[in-house]
């Protein structure tokens, strides 16, 4: 059976870090977008304060 192309450990580590950072950034922006929608809905409500 043919072997895969050898990848040294540093390149493998760099690929892992790159993929890890990409998924973290995607998760952050998706979650942040959902939070902003909730905050806008809360801020748009009128509060009637009775002092």
N, C-alpha and C. Protein backbone atom coordinates (compact mmCIF):
# COMPACT_ATOMS: atom_id res chain seq x y z
N UNK A 1 0.85 -1.19 0.00
CA UNK A 1 0.00 0.00 0.00
C UNK A 1 0.89 1.25 0.00
N UNK A 2 0.49 2.27 -0.74
CA UNK A 2 1.30 3.49 -0.75
C UNK A 2 1.14 4.26 0.56
N UNK A 3 2.19 4.88 0.94
CA UNK A 3 2.14 5.68 2.16
C UNK A 3 1.69 7.10 1.84
N UNK A 4 1.16 7.74 2.84
CA UNK A 4 0.77 9.13 2.67
C UNK A 4 2.01 10.01 2.63
N UNK A 5 1.81 11.20 2.15
CA UNK A 5 2.93 12.13 2.13
C UNK A 5 3.35 12.45 3.57
N UNK A 6 4.61 12.33 3.89
CA UNK A 6 5.01 12.61 5.27
C UNK A 6 4.90 14.09 5.62
N UNK A 7 4.33 14.35 6.76
CA UNK A 7 4.17 15.72 7.25
C UNK A 7 4.91 15.80 8.58
N UNK A 8 5.78 16.75 8.70
CA UNK A 8 6.50 16.84 9.96
C UNK A 8 5.59 17.41 11.06
N UNK A 9 6.00 17.28 12.29
CA UNK A 9 5.14 17.62 13.42
C UNK A 9 4.82 19.10 13.50
N UNK A 10 5.75 19.92 13.08
CA UNK A 10 5.49 21.36 13.15
C UNK A 10 4.40 21.77 12.16
N UNK A 11 4.45 21.21 10.97
CA UNK A 11 3.41 21.52 9.99
C UNK A 11 2.05 20.98 10.45
N UNK A 12 2.06 19.81 11.02
CA UNK A 12 0.82 19.24 11.54
C UNK A 12 0.25 20.12 12.65
N UNK A 13 1.12 20.59 13.52
CA UNK A 13 0.71 21.48 14.59
C UNK A 13 0.15 22.79 14.02
N UNK A 14 0.80 23.33 13.00
CA UNK A 14 0.33 24.57 12.39
C UNK A 14 -1.04 24.38 11.74
N UNK A 15 -1.23 23.26 11.07
CA UNK A 15 -2.55 22.99 10.49
C UNK A 15 -3.61 22.89 11.57
N UNK A 16 -3.29 22.22 12.63
CA UNK A 16 -4.24 22.09 13.73
C UNK A 16 -4.60 23.45 14.33
N UNK A 17 -3.60 24.28 14.56
CA UNK A 17 -3.85 25.61 15.13
C UNK A 17 -4.68 26.46 14.17
N UNK A 18 -4.37 26.39 12.91
CA UNK A 18 -5.12 27.16 11.92
C UNK A 18 -6.60 26.74 11.89
N UNK A 19 -6.85 25.45 11.88
CA UNK A 19 -8.23 24.96 11.88
C UNK A 19 -8.93 25.32 13.19
N UNK A 20 -8.22 25.17 14.29
CA UNK A 20 -8.79 25.50 15.60
C UNK A 20 -9.18 26.97 15.69
N UNK A 21 -8.29 27.85 15.24
CA UNK A 21 -8.58 29.28 15.28
C UNK A 21 -9.73 29.64 14.34
N UNK A 22 -9.79 28.98 13.20
CA UNK A 22 -10.89 29.25 12.26
C UNK A 22 -12.24 28.88 12.87
N UNK A 23 -12.32 27.72 13.49
CA UNK A 23 -13.58 27.32 14.11
C UNK A 23 -13.93 28.22 15.28
N UNK A 24 -12.94 28.64 16.04
CA UNK A 24 -13.23 29.54 17.16
C UNK A 24 -13.75 30.88 16.68
N UNK A 25 -13.17 31.41 15.63
CA UNK A 25 -13.65 32.69 15.10
C UNK A 25 -15.06 32.57 14.54
N UNK A 26 -15.32 31.48 13.84
CA UNK A 26 -16.67 31.27 13.32
C UNK A 26 -17.68 31.18 14.47
N UNK A 27 -17.34 30.43 15.48
CA UNK A 27 -18.24 30.28 16.62
C UNK A 27 -18.45 31.61 17.33
N UNK A 28 -17.41 32.39 17.48
CA UNK A 28 -17.52 33.68 18.15
C UNK A 28 -18.47 34.61 17.38
N UNK A 29 -18.30 34.71 16.08
CA UNK A 29 -19.12 35.64 15.31
C UNK A 29 -20.56 35.16 15.20
N UNK A 30 -20.78 33.87 15.11
CA UNK A 30 -22.15 33.37 15.06
C UNK A 30 -22.84 33.61 16.40
N UNK A 31 -22.15 33.32 17.49
CA UNK A 31 -22.74 33.50 18.81
C UNK A 31 -22.94 34.98 19.12
N UNK A 32 -21.99 35.82 18.71
CA UNK A 32 -22.09 37.26 18.93
C UNK A 32 -23.27 37.85 18.16
N UNK A 33 -23.53 37.37 16.97
CA UNK A 33 -24.65 37.86 16.18
C UNK A 33 -25.96 37.55 16.88
N UNK A 34 -26.08 36.34 17.44
CA UNK A 34 -27.29 35.96 18.16
C UNK A 34 -27.48 36.83 19.40
N UNK A 35 -26.38 37.11 20.11
CA UNK A 35 -26.48 37.94 21.30
C UNK A 35 -26.90 39.36 20.96
N UNK A 36 -26.39 39.90 19.87
CA UNK A 36 -26.76 41.26 19.48
C UNK A 36 -28.24 41.36 19.16
N UNK A 37 -28.81 40.34 18.55
CA UNK A 37 -30.24 40.36 18.27
C UNK A 37 -31.05 40.38 19.56
N UNK A 38 -30.62 39.57 20.53
CA UNK A 38 -31.34 39.54 21.81
C UNK A 38 -31.20 40.88 22.53
N UNK A 39 -30.02 41.47 22.51
CA UNK A 39 -29.82 42.75 23.18
C UNK A 39 -30.66 43.85 22.55
N UNK A 40 -30.74 43.84 21.22
CA UNK A 40 -31.54 44.86 20.54
C UNK A 40 -33.01 44.70 20.90
N UNK A 41 -33.49 43.47 20.99
CA UNK A 41 -34.88 43.25 21.36
C UNK A 41 -35.15 43.74 22.77
N UNK A 42 -34.23 43.52 23.66
CA UNK A 42 -34.41 43.97 25.05
C UNK A 42 -34.35 45.49 25.14
N UNK A 43 -33.44 46.10 24.39
CA UNK A 43 -33.27 47.55 24.46
C UNK A 43 -34.43 48.29 23.81
N UNK A 44 -35.12 47.68 22.88
CA UNK A 44 -36.22 48.36 22.19
C UNK A 44 -37.51 48.38 22.99
N UNK A 45 -37.60 47.58 24.02
CA UNK A 45 -38.82 47.56 24.82
C UNK A 45 -38.88 48.84 25.67
N UNK A 46 -40.07 49.38 25.80
CA UNK A 46 -40.26 50.55 26.65
C UNK A 46 -40.55 50.11 28.07
N UNK A 47 -39.81 50.68 28.98
CA UNK A 47 -40.03 50.37 30.38
C UNK A 47 -40.79 51.52 31.02
N UNK A 48 -41.88 51.20 31.67
CA UNK A 48 -42.64 52.21 32.40
C UNK A 48 -42.26 52.12 33.86
N UNK A 49 -41.43 53.06 34.30
CA UNK A 49 -41.01 53.05 35.69
C UNK A 49 -41.96 53.90 36.51
N UNK A 50 -42.40 53.37 37.61
CA UNK A 50 -43.27 54.13 38.52
C UNK A 50 -42.46 54.46 39.75
N UNK A 51 -42.10 55.71 39.88
CA UNK A 51 -41.25 56.13 41.00
C UNK A 51 -42.11 56.46 42.18
